[in-house]
Amino acid sequence: MTIRHAPLFVVALPFAVVGLELSGASPLAMLSALFILAIPILLLLLLPGSKRELE
């Protein structure tokens, strides 16, 4: 997974929450979906920088 995949998770987040809301899911299920989909986005922020920039 690279930083290029980050927009996929950002786009998927509102669709997942709206889908859960339309299906009548509980607020707890919607919050847990937010946290589950936010994990890859947060992990992408922890990736090390390019070594070319450090030299």
Protein backbone atom coordinates (compact mmCIF):
# COMPACT_ATOMS: atom_id res chain seq x y z
CA MET A 1 0.00 0.00 0.00
CA THR A 2 1.43 3.37 -0.98
CA ILE A 3 0.42 6.96 -0.47
CA ARG A 4 -1.28 6.78 -3.88
CA HIS A 5 -3.92 4.52 -2.32
CA ALA A 6 -4.93 7.11 0.30
CA PRO A 7 -7.65 8.75 -1.86
CA LEU A 8 -9.37 5.37 -2.19
CA PHE A 9 -9.89 5.20 1.56
CA VAL A 10 -10.91 8.86 1.76
CA VAL A 11 -13.55 8.28 -0.93
CA ALA A 12 -14.75 5.02 0.65
CA LEU A 13 -15.30 6.58 4.07
CA PRO A 14 -18.45 8.66 3.33
CA PHE A 15 -19.96 5.90 1.19
CA ALA A 16 -19.55 3.37 3.98
CA VAL A 17 -21.11 5.67 6.58
CA VAL A 18 -24.03 6.64 4.31
CA GLY A 19 -24.61 3.00 3.44
CA LEU A 20 -24.71 2.06 7.10
CA GLU A 21 -27.06 4.93 7.87
CA LEU A 22 -29.44 4.00 5.05
CA SER A 23 -29.48 0.38 6.21
CA GLY A 24 -30.57 1.48 9.67
CA ALA A 25 -27.37 0.63 11.51
CA SER A 26 -26.82 1.83 15.04
CA PRO A 27 -24.64 4.86 15.74
CA LEU A 28 -22.09 2.54 17.35
CA ALA A 29 -21.78 0.59 14.09
CA MET A 30 -21.24 3.82 12.16
CA LEU A 31 -18.54 4.97 14.57
CA SER A 32 -16.77 1.64 14.40
CA ALA A 33 -16.85 1.79 10.58
CA LEU A 34 -15.26 5.24 10.75
CA PHE A 35 -12.45 3.95 12.94
CA ILE A 36 -11.90 0.82 10.83
CA LEU A 37 -11.68 2.83 7.60
CA ALA A 38 -9.48 5.47 9.22
CA ILE A 39 -6.80 2.95 10.22
CA PRO A 40 -5.25 2.64 6.71
CA ILE A 41 -5.25 6.43 6.33
CA LEU A 42 -3.46 6.85 9.65
CA LEU A 43 -0.99 4.09 8.79
CA LEU A 44 -0.13 5.85 5.54
CA LEU A 45 0.84 8.93 7.55
CA LEU A 46 3.37 6.81 9.45
CA LEU A 47 5.23 5.72 6.31
CA PRO A 48 8.85 6.89 6.21
CA GLY A 49 9.73 9.70 3.84
CA SER A 50 11.63 9.29 0.63
CA LYS A 51 15.36 8.72 1.09
CA ARG A 52 16.07 11.02 -1.83
CA GLU A 53 14.66 13.94 0.14
CA LEU A 54 16.82 13.19 3.17
CA GLU A 55 20.14 13.36 1.32
